[in-house]
C-alpha atoms as a PDB file:
ATOM      1  CA  MET A   1       0.115   0.143   0.047  1.00  0.00           C
ATOM      2  CA  THR A   2       1.445   3.681  -1.225  1.00  0.00           C
ATOM      3  CA  HIS A   3       1.568   5.490   2.269  1.00  0.00           C
ATOM      4  CA  TRP A   4      -1.285   7.879   2.920  1.00  0.00           C
ATOM      5  CA  SER A   5       0.008  11.390   3.515  1.00  0.00           C
ATOM      6  CA  LEU A   6      -1.543  15.038   3.207  1.00  0.00           C
ATOM      7  CA  PRO A   7       0.201  17.537   1.320  1.00  0.00           C
ATOM      8  CA  TYR A   8      -1.085  20.657   3.223  1.00  0.00           C
ATOM      9  CA  THR A   9      -0.919  22.000   6.716  1.00  0.00           C
ATOM     10  CA  PHE A  10      -3.303  24.297   8.583  1.00  0.00           C
ATOM     11  CA  ASP A  11      -2.155  26.225  11.837  1.00  0.00           C
ATOM     12  CA  TYR A  12      -4.753  26.219  14.319  1.00  0.00           C
ATOM     13  CA  GLN A  13      -4.244  27.582  17.640  1.00  0.00           C
ATOM     14  CA  GLY A  14      -0.614  26.822  17.080  1.00  0.00           C
ATOM     15  CA  ARG A  15      -1.566  23.209  16.498  1.00  0.00           C
ATOM     16  CA  LYS A  16      -0.691  21.291  12.965  1.00  0.00           C
ATOM     17  CA  VAL A  17      -3.509  20.377  10.914  1.00  0.00           C
ATOM     18  CA  LYS A  18      -2.917  18.098   7.639  1.00  0.00           C
ATOM     19  CA  TYR A  19      -5.381  18.461   5.139  1.00  0.00           C
ATOM     20  CA  GLY A  20      -5.815  17.877   1.115  1.00  0.00           C
ATOM     21  CA  VAL A  21      -7.868  19.251  -1.811  1.00  0.00           C
ATOM     22  CA  GLU A  22      -8.504  17.264  -4.961  1.00  0.00           C
ATOM     23  CA  GLY A  23     -10.394  17.993  -8.195  1.00  0.00           C
ATOM     24  CA  GLU A  24     -12.360  21.113  -9.330  1.00  0.00           C
ATOM     25  CA  GLY A  25     -16.272  22.400  -9.213  1.00  0.00           C
ATOM     26  CA  GLU A  26     -18.485  22.725  -6.288  1.00  0.00           C
ATOM     27  CA  ALA A  27     -16.799  22.340  -3.024  1.00  0.00           C
ATOM     28  CA  LEU A  28     -17.519  19.315  -0.828  1.00  0.00           C
ATOM     29  CA  ILE A  29     -15.996  18.685   2.612  1.00  0.00           C
ATOM     30  CA  LEU A  30     -15.075  15.140   3.946  1.00  0.00           C
ATOM     31  CA  VAL A  31     -15.057  14.427   7.685  1.00  0.00           C
ATOM     32  CA  HIS A  32     -13.766  11.494   9.030  1.00  0.00           C
ATOM     33  CA  GLY A  33     -14.478   9.580  12.644  1.00  0.00           C
ATOM     34  CA  THR A  34     -12.811   7.702  15.295  1.00  0.00           C
ATOM     35  CA  PRO A  35     -10.425   5.654  15.147  1.00  0.00           C
ATOM     36  CA  TRP A  36     -10.112   6.442  11.562  1.00  0.00           C
ATOM     37  CA  SER A  37      -8.342   9.276   9.453  1.00  0.00           C
ATOM     38  CA  SER A  38      -8.566  10.722   6.107  1.00  0.00           C
ATOM     39  CA  PHE A  39      -6.937   7.385   4.986  1.00  0.00           C
ATOM     40  CA  ASN A  40     -10.553   6.070   5.420  1.00  0.00           C
ATOM     41  CA  LEU A  41     -12.100   8.415   3.094  1.00  0.00           C
ATOM     42  CA  ARG A  42      -9.779   7.816   0.226  1.00  0.00           C
ATOM     43  CA  HIS A  43     -12.480   5.832  -1.812  1.00  0.00           C
ATOM     44  CA  LEU A  44     -15.022   8.913  -1.979  1.00  0.00           C
ATOM     45  CA  ILE A  45     -12.234  11.454  -2.158  1.00  0.00           C
ATOM     46  CA  LYS A  46     -11.092   9.448  -5.520  1.00  0.00           C
ATOM     47  CA  ALA A  47     -14.969   9.129  -6.574  1.00  0.00           C
ATOM     48  CA  PHE A  48     -15.988  12.633  -6.005  1.00  0.00           C
ATOM     49  CA  SER A  49     -13.097  14.494  -7.047  1.00  0.00           C
ATOM     50  CA  SER A  50     -13.965  14.015 -10.634  1.00  0.00           C
ATOM     51  CA  HIS A  51     -17.071  16.303 -10.387  1.00  0.00           C
ATOM     52  CA  TYR A  52     -16.210  18.219  -7.065  1.00  0.00           C
ATOM     53  CA  LYS A  53     -13.594  20.180  -5.215  1.00  0.00           C
ATOM     54  CA  VAL A  54     -12.789  17.822  -2.374  1.00  0.00           C
ATOM     55  CA  TYR A  55     -11.491  19.130   0.701  1.00  0.00           C
ATOM     56  CA  TYR A  56     -10.501  16.806   3.576  1.00  0.00           C
ATOM     57  CA  PHE A  57      -8.525  16.907   6.540  1.00  0.00           C
ATOM     58  CA  ASP A  58      -7.307  14.951   9.732  1.00  0.00           C
ATOM     59  CA  LEU A  59      -9.002  15.865  12.765  1.00  0.00           C
ATOM     60  CA  LEU A  60      -6.856  17.074  15.769  1.00  0.00           C
ATOM     61  CA  GLY A  61      -5.506  13.881  17.606  1.00  0.00           C
ATOM     62  CA  TYR A  62      -5.813  11.814  14.329  1.00  0.00           C
ATOM     63  CA  GLY A  63      -3.992  10.680  11.194  1.00  0.00           C
ATOM     64  CA  GLU A  64      -1.244  13.191  10.489  1.00  0.00           C
ATOM     65  CA  SER A  65      -2.604  16.097  12.399  1.00  0.00           C
ATOM     66  CA  ASP A  66      -1.462  17.227  16.127  1.00  0.00           C
ATOM     67  CA  LYS A  67      -1.168  14.261  18.224  1.00  0.00           C
ATOM     68  CA  SER A  68       0.198  16.457  21.218  1.00  0.00           C
ATOM     69  CA  ASN A  69      -1.375  16.434  24.734  1.00  0.00           C
ATOM     70  CA  GLY A  70      -4.381  18.333  24.400  1.00  0.00           C
ATOM     71  CA  ASP A  71      -7.943  18.478  23.735  1.00  0.00           C
ATOM     72  CA  VAL A  72      -8.885  16.314  21.082  1.00  0.00           C
ATOM     73  CA  SER A  73     -12.576  15.624  22.200  1.00  0.00           C
ATOM     74  CA  LEU A  74     -15.633  16.595  19.882  1.00  0.00           C
ATOM     75  CA  LYS A  75     -15.861  20.069  21.776  1.00  0.00           C
ATOM     76  CA  ILE A  76     -12.732  21.175  19.667  1.00  0.00           C
ATOM     77  CA  GLN A  77     -13.426  19.532  16.216  1.00  0.00           C
ATOM     78  CA  ASN A  78     -16.252  21.310  15.040  1.00  0.00           C
ATOM     79  CA  SER A  79     -14.427  24.720  15.994  1.00  0.00           C
ATOM     80  CA  LEU A  80     -11.703  23.188  13.811  1.00  0.00           C
ATOM     81  CA  LEU A  81     -14.250  22.715  10.918  1.00  0.00           C
ATOM     82  CA  ASP A  82     -15.254  26.085  11.374  1.00  0.00           C
ATOM     83  CA  ALA A  83     -11.751  27.425  11.342  1.00  0.00           C
ATOM     84  CA  LEU A  84     -10.978  25.284   8.358  1.00  0.00           C
ATOM     85  CA  ILE A  85     -13.997  26.661   6.468  1.00  0.00           C
ATOM     86  CA  GLU A  86     -13.037  30.112   6.945  1.00  0.00           C
ATOM     87  CA  TYR A  87      -9.831  29.448   5.816  1.00  0.00           C
ATOM     88  CA  TRP A  88     -10.864  27.702   2.663  1.00  0.00           C
ATOM     89  CA  GLN A  89     -13.223  30.568   2.074  1.00  0.00           C
ATOM     90  CA  LEU A  90     -15.995  28.255   1.540  1.00  0.00           C
ATOM     91  CA  ASP A  91     -19.514  29.542   1.115  1.00  0.00           C
ATOM     92  CA  LEU A  92     -22.542  27.162   1.647  1.00  0.00           C
ATOM     93  CA  PRO A  93     -20.264  23.724   0.951  1.00  0.00           C
ATOM     94  CA  LEU A  94     -21.790  20.375   0.338  1.00  0.00           C
ATOM     95  CA  ILE A  95     -20.683  18.246   3.441  1.00  0.00           C
ATOM     96  CA  VAL A  96     -20.382  14.573   4.486  1.00  0.00           C
ATOM     97  CA  GLY A  97     -19.281  13.035   7.803  1.00  0.00           C
ATOM     98  CA  HIS A  98     -18.750   9.630   9.183  1.00  0.00           C
ATOM     99  CA  ASP A  99     -19.099   8.403  12.752  1.00  0.00           C
ATOM    100  CA  PHE A 100     -17.134  11.287  14.949  1.00  0.00           C
ATOM    101  CA  GLY A 101     -17.210  13.291  11.660  1.00  0.00           C
ATOM    102  CA  GLY A 102     -20.836  12.897  11.535  1.00  0.00           C
ATOM    103  CA  THR A 103     -21.320  14.181  14.906  1.00  0.00           C
ATOM    104  CA  THR A 104     -18.614  17.126  14.237  1.00  0.00           C
ATOM    105  CA  VAL A 105     -20.914  18.021  11.189  1.00  0.00           C
ATOM    106  CA  LEU A 106     -24.004  18.106  13.388  1.00  0.00           C
ATOM    107  CA  ARG A 107     -22.295  20.352  16.019  1.00  0.00           C
ATOM    108  CA  SER A 108     -21.078  22.474  13.558  1.00  0.00           C
ATOM    109  CA  TYR A 109     -24.627  22.951  12.059  1.00  0.00           C
ATOM    110  CA  LEU A 110     -26.565  22.932  15.409  1.00  0.00           C
ATOM    111  CA  LEU A 111     -24.299  24.616  17.581  1.00  0.00           C
ATOM    112  CA  ASP A 112     -22.186  26.876  15.774  1.00  0.00           C
ATOM    113  CA  GLN A 113     -24.954  27.786  12.922  1.00  0.00           C
ATOM    114  CA  ARG A 114     -22.682  26.739  10.187  1.00  0.00           C
ATOM    115  CA  GLN A 115     -24.617  26.556   7.191  1.00  0.00           C
ATOM    116  CA  TYR A 116     -24.444  24.055   4.379  1.00  0.00           C
ATOM    117  CA  LYS A 117     -25.989  22.977   0.913  1.00  0.00           C
ATOM    118  CA  LYS A 118     -26.954  19.556   1.630  1.00  0.00           C
ATOM    119  CA  MET A 119     -25.579  17.298   4.515  1.00  0.00           C
ATOM    120  CA  VAL A 120     -24.920  13.587   4.562  1.00  0.00           C
ATOM    121  CA  VAL A 121     -23.988  11.747   7.509  1.00  0.00           C
ATOM    122  CA  ILE A 122     -23.000   8.421   7.563  1.00  0.00           C
ATOM    123  CA  ASP A 123     -23.418   6.035  10.779  1.00  0.00           C
ATOM    124  CA  PRO A 124     -22.935   9.437  13.160  1.00  0.00           C
ATOM    125  CA  VAL A 125     -22.785   9.230  16.757  1.00  0.00           C
ATOM    126  CA  ALA A 126     -25.577  11.564  17.074  1.00  0.00           C
ATOM    127  CA  LEU A 127     -27.862  10.287  20.036  1.00  0.00           C
ATOM    128  CA  SER A 128     -27.307  10.374  23.587  1.00  0.00           C
ATOM    129  CA  PRO A 129     -26.424   8.333  25.171  1.00  0.00           C
ATOM    130  CA  TRP A 130     -23.443   6.304  23.969  1.00  0.00           C
ATOM    131  CA  GLY A 131     -20.003   4.827  24.893  1.00  0.00           C
ATOM    132  CA  SER A 132     -19.146   1.258  25.846  1.00  0.00           C
ATOM    133  CA  PRO A 133     -17.316  -0.463  28.573  1.00  0.00           C
ATOM    134  CA  PHE A 134     -14.226  -0.482  26.661  1.00  0.00           C
ATOM    135  CA  PHE A 135     -14.179   3.427  26.552  1.00  0.00           C
ATOM    136  CA  LYS A 136     -14.982   3.653  30.148  1.00  0.00           C
ATOM    137  CA  HIS A 137     -12.230   1.451  30.981  1.00  0.00           C
ATOM    138  CA  ILE A 138      -9.716   3.226  29.139  1.00  0.00           C
ATOM    139  CA  GLU A 139     -11.046   6.526  30.548  1.00  0.00           C
ATOM    140  CA  LYS A 140     -10.093   5.143  33.985  1.00  0.00           C
ATOM    141  CA  TYR A 141      -6.715   3.556  33.064  1.00  0.00           C
ATOM    142  CA  GLU A 142      -5.708   5.916  30.117  1.00  0.00           C
ATOM    143  CA  THR A 143      -2.048   6.051  31.242  1.00  0.00           C
ATOM    144  CA  ALA A 144      -1.530   2.316  32.092  1.00  0.00           C
ATOM    145  CA  PHE A 145      -3.062   1.546  28.657  1.00  0.00           C
ATOM    146  CA  ALA A 146      -0.505   4.008  26.909  1.00  0.00           C
ATOM    147  CA  GLU A 147       2.355   2.278  28.570  1.00  0.00           C
ATOM    148  CA  VAL A 148       1.559  -1.161  27.049  1.00  0.00           C
ATOM    149  CA  PRO A 149       4.246  -2.420  24.964  1.00  0.00           C
ATOM    150  CA  ASP A 150       3.860  -1.848  21.104  1.00  0.00           C
ATOM    151  CA  PHE A 151       2.973  -5.221  20.081  1.00  0.00           C
ATOM    152  CA  ILE A 152      -0.132  -5.578  22.679  1.00  0.00           C
ATOM    153  CA  HIS A 153      -1.205  -2.283  21.736  1.00  0.00           C
ATOM    154  CA  ALA A 154      -1.215  -3.123  17.806  1.00  0.00           C
ATOM    155  CA  ALA A 155      -3.236  -6.257  18.626  1.00  0.00           C
ATOM    156  CA  ILE A 156      -5.814  -4.458  20.863  1.00  0.00           C
ATOM    157  CA  VAL A 157      -6.220  -1.621  17.889  1.00  0.00           C
ATOM    158  CA  GLU A 158      -6.457  -4.073  15.339  1.00  0.00           C
ATOM    159  CA  ALA A 159      -9.214  -6.428  17.228  1.00  0.00           C
ATOM    160  CA  TYR A 160     -10.990  -3.169  18.203  1.00  0.00           C
ATOM    161  CA  ILE A 161     -11.467  -1.961  14.452  1.00  0.00           C
ATOM    162  CA  LYS A 162     -12.347  -5.253  13.089  1.00  0.00           C
ATOM    163  CA  THR A 163     -15.471  -5.171  15.396  1.00  0.00           C
ATOM    164  CA  ALA A 164     -16.719  -1.884  13.113  1.00  0.00           C
ATOM    165  CA  ALA A 165     -16.573  -4.186  10.147  1.00  0.00           C
ATOM    166  CA  TYR A 166     -19.106  -6.666   8.851  1.00  0.00           C
ATOM    167  CA  GLN A 167     -17.233  -7.328   5.914  1.00  0.00           C
ATOM    168  CA  PRO A 168     -13.392  -8.699   6.053  1.00  0.00           C
ATOM    169  CA  LEU A 169     -11.197  -6.034   6.104  1.00  0.00           C
ATOM    170  CA  THR A 170      -7.950  -6.427   3.911  1.00  0.00           C
ATOM    171  CA  GLN A 171      -4.461  -6.233   5.318  1.00  0.00           C
ATOM    172  CA  ALA A 172      -3.770  -3.223   3.466  1.00  0.00           C
ATOM    173  CA  THR A 173      -6.838  -1.364   5.029  1.00  0.00           C
ATOM    174  CA  ILE A 174      -5.857  -2.534   8.404  1.00  0.00           C
ATOM    175  CA  GLN A 175      -2.312  -1.709   8.035  1.00  0.00           C
ATOM    176  CA  GLY A 176      -3.552   2.039   6.825  1.00  0.00           C
ATOM    177  CA  ILE A 177      -5.773   2.211   9.937  1.00  0.00           C
ATOM    178  CA  LEU A 178      -3.113   1.368  12.549  1.00  0.00           C
ATOM    179  CA  ALA A 179      -0.478   3.530  10.994  1.00  0.00           C
ATOM    180  CA  PRO A 180      -1.215   6.503  12.574  1.00  0.00           C
ATOM    181  CA  TRP A 181      -1.608   5.045  15.980  1.00  0.00           C
ATOM    182  CA  SER A 182       1.723   3.525  15.956  1.00  0.00           C
ATOM    183  CA  GLY A 183       4.912   4.748  18.032  1.00  0.00           C
ATOM    184  CA  GLU A 184       4.917   6.068  21.319  1.00  0.00           C
ATOM    185  CA  GLU A 185       3.367   9.228  19.770  1.00  0.00           C
ATOM    186  CA  GLY A 186       0.324   7.223  18.288  1.00  0.00           C
ATOM    187  CA  LYS A 187      -0.083   5.057  21.176  1.00  0.00           C
ATOM    188  CA  SER A 188      -0.845   7.506  23.371  1.00  0.00           C
ATOM    189  CA  ALA A 189      -2.859   9.374  21.040  1.00  0.00           C
ATOM    190  CA  PHE A 190      -5.264   6.372  20.702  1.00  0.00           C
ATOM    191  CA  TYR A 191      -6.037   6.116  24.227  1.00  0.00           C
ATOM    192  CA  ARG A 192      -6.273   9.765  24.541  1.00  0.00           C
ATOM    193  CA  GLN A 193      -9.044  10.394  21.669  1.00  0.00           C
ATOM    194  CA  ILE A 194     -11.098   7.636  23.480  1.00  0.00           C
ATOM    195  CA  ALA A 195     -10.563   8.634  26.762  1.00  0.00           C
ATOM    196  CA  GLN A 196     -11.813  12.186  26.329  1.00  0.00           C
ATOM    197  CA  ALA A 197     -14.946  10.618  24.191  1.00  0.00           C
ATOM    198  CA  ASP A 198     -17.959  11.776  26.247  1.00  0.00           C
ATOM    199  CA  SER A 199     -21.873  11.984  25.418  1.00  0.00           C
ATOM    200  CA  LYS A 200     -21.875  15.334  26.906  1.00  0.00           C
ATOM    201  CA  TYR A 201     -20.857  16.514  23.451  1.00  0.00           C
ATOM    202  CA  THR A 202     -23.788  14.994  21.942  1.00  0.00           C
ATOM    203  CA  ASP A 203     -25.999  16.187  24.924  1.00  0.00           C
ATOM    204  CA  GLU A 204     -25.500  19.545  23.970  1.00  0.00           C
ATOM    205  CA  PHE A 205     -27.640  19.268  20.786  1.00  0.00           C
ATOM    206  CA  GLN A 206     -30.330  16.667  21.723  1.00  0.00           C
ATOM    207  CA  ASP A 207     -33.022  19.392  21.996  1.00  0.00           C
ATOM    208  CA  LYS A 208     -31.784  21.250  18.771  1.00  0.00           C
ATOM    209  CA  PHE A 209     -33.215  18.614  15.817  1.00  0.00           C
ATOM    210  CA  SER A 210     -36.305  20.253  15.440  1.00  0.00           C
ATOM    211  CA  HIS A 211     -33.921  23.200  14.279  1.00  0.00           C
ATOM    212  CA  PHE A 212     -33.084  21.165  10.911  1.00  0.00           C
ATOM    213  CA  ASN A 213     -33.396  23.296   7.919  1.00  0.00           C
ATOM    214  CA  VAL A 214     -30.545  21.552   5.476  1.00  0.00           C
ATOM    215  CA  PRO A 215     -31.387  18.838   2.854  1.00  0.00           C
ATOM    216  CA  THR A 216     -30.137  15.898   4.844  1.00  0.00           C
ATOM    217  CA  LEU A 217     -29.288  12.122   3.810  1.00  0.00           C
ATOM    218  CA  ILE A 218     -28.505   9.587   6.440  1.00  0.00           C
ATOM    219  CA  LEU A 219     -26.487   6.444   5.597  1.00  0.00           C
ATOM    220  CA  TRP A 220     -26.110   3.570   7.765  1.00  0.00           C
ATOM    221  CA  GLY A 221     -24.721  -0.033   7.545  1.00  0.00           C
ATOM    222  CA  GLU A 222     -27.585  -2.489   8.446  1.00  0.00           C
ATOM    223  CA  GLU A 223     -25.045  -4.811  10.401  1.00  0.00           C
ATOM    224  CA  ASP A 224     -23.549  -2.155  12.300  1.00  0.00           C
ATOM    225  CA  GLN A 225     -22.505  -3.328  15.650  1.00  0.00           C
ATOM    226  CA  TRP A 226     -21.235  -0.223  17.182  1.00  0.00           C
ATOM    227  CA  ILE A 227     -24.468   1.912  16.592  1.00  0.00           C
ATOM    228  CA  PRO A 228     -27.357  -0.315  15.678  1.00  0.00           C
ATOM    229  CA  VAL A 229     -29.265   0.690  12.765  1.00  0.00           C
ATOM    230  CA  GLU A 230     -32.466   1.435  15.282  1.00  0.00           C
ATOM    231  CA  GLN A 231     -30.572   4.501  16.149  1.00  0.00           C
ATOM    232  CA  ALA A 232     -30.765   5.292  12.353  1.00  0.00           C
ATOM    233  CA  HIS A 233     -34.362   5.238  12.078  1.00  0.00           C
ATOM    234  CA  LEU A 234     -34.579   7.257  15.500  1.00  0.00           C
ATOM    235  CA  LEU A 235     -32.380   9.752  14.058  1.00  0.00           C
ATOM    236  CA  HIS A 236     -34.159   9.838  10.857  1.00  0.00           C
ATOM    237  CA  SER A 237     -37.676  10.739  12.584  1.00  0.00           C
ATOM    238  CA  LYS A 238     -36.030  13.667  14.573  1.00  0.00           C
ATOM    239  CA  ILE A 239     -34.745  15.068  11.384  1.00  0.00           C
ATOM    240  CA  LYS A 240     -37.829  16.541   9.263  1.00  0.00           C
ATOM    241  CA  GLY A 241     -37.379  15.818   5.878  1.00  0.00           C
ATOM    242  CA  SER A 242     -34.436  13.944   5.972  1.00  0.00           C
ATOM    243  CA  GLU A 243     -33.718  10.986   3.727  1.00  0.00           C
ATOM    244  CA  LEU A 244     -32.801   7.546   5.242  1.00  0.00           C
ATOM    245  CA  VAL A 245     -30.711   4.617   3.317  1.00  0.00           C
ATOM    246  CA  THR A 246     -29.750   1.784   5.069  1.00  0.00           C
ATOM    247  CA  VAL A 247     -27.260  -0.528   3.353  1.00  0.00           C
ATOM    248  CA  PRO A 248     -27.320  -4.485   3.873  1.00  0.00           C
ATOM    249  CA  GLU A 249     -24.144  -6.591   4.628  1.00  0.00           C
ATOM    250  CA  SER A 250     -22.344  -3.623   5.763  1.00  0.00           C
ATOM    251  CA  GLY A 251     -20.953  -2.720   9.512  1.00  0.00           C
ATOM    252  CA  HIS A 252     -20.241   0.674  10.803  1.00  0.00           C
ATOM    253  CA  LEU A 253     -17.374   0.845   8.758  1.00  0.00           C
ATOM    254  CA  ILE A 254     -19.326   0.853   5.767  1.00  0.00           C
ATOM    255  CA  ILE A 255     -16.741   3.705   4.149  1.00  0.00           C
ATOM    256  CA  GLU A 256     -14.612   0.700   3.495  1.00  0.00           C
ATOM    257  CA  GLU A 257     -16.951  -2.124   3.371  1.00  0.00           C
ATOM    258  CA  LYS A 258     -19.463  -0.682   0.476  1.00  0.00           C
ATOM    259  CA  PRO A 259     -17.963   2.873  -0.909  1.00  0.00           C
ATOM    260  CA  ASP A 260     -19.453   2.225  -4.469  1.00  0.00           C
ATOM    261  CA  ILE A 261     -23.023   2.211  -2.774  1.00  0.00           C
ATOM    262  CA  LEU A 262     -22.327   5.116  -0.581  1.00  0.00           C
ATOM    263  CA  VAL A 263     -20.803   7.088  -3.739  1.00  0.00           C
ATOM    264  CA  LYS A 264     -23.685   5.972  -5.899  1.00  0.00           C
ATOM    265  CA  GLU A 265     -26.485   7.360  -2.892  1.00  0.00           C
ATOM    266  CA  ILE A 266     -24.587  10.418  -2.066  1.00  0.00           C
ATOM    267  CA  ARG A 267     -24.238  11.569  -5.754  1.00  0.00           C
ATOM    268  CA  ARG A 268     -28.183  11.022  -6.406  1.00  0.00           C
ATOM    269  CA  PHE A 269     -28.693  13.192  -3.082  1.00  0.00           C
ATOM    270  CA  PHE A 270     -26.329  16.032  -4.397  1.00  0.00           C
ATOM    271  CA  GLU A 271     -27.610  15.817  -7.985  1.00  0.00           C
ATOM    272  CA  ASN A 272     -31.486  15.827  -7.197  1.00  0.00           C
END
């Protein structure tokens, strides 16, 4: 697999944020989730850059962006997104967010009042409460986890990410996901972002879904074991006028499992 690297750097409050821009046309922003990076958006970037100008980046604490000991919570990610949109000088862009990327998009729209032409959220962390025993355990013992030997850390991360997929992941995909979390900096960053995950950041917009006034498409893997598809139907009921498409034989990591179906549905939604 060719090493995934982002060509440009944006300075956000003294912290490095890596980003890329591909294609020409109407502006489209792609936002990844956790524990993923822009690497996992590569299928969408390739497909959409033939018709759109695609902007993508690594969230703070992820991928090639700053992994120092700082705030990498959902609280800061929508502020980063807002700063990037200002920096890119985009007016009413299209936007797609997966997992925490979807949460970031929702926080941007509902809390920051950032306006979008159309919005797509893919298996987003949107409805409180959420979290898992694994998250709670890391929150309690973050330092201990960050000090485990590298080979144990790699095994933990690989086992964890595999539970997000319904279909088997290729070794190249697994390695691409693991790469940003390797080394001492990456290892600490992996447990830091989990320890800082908190449903209080979705609590902040639970009473604001009635404010939605943007065309919205919700995409969901029917076999999602991280956020069951029942959540998709509940979110759909909360966002008036939204469209819901569930995808068979795919899990939470649908962006790796069924990218062609996602591209088809998103393109149809954007062009209608």
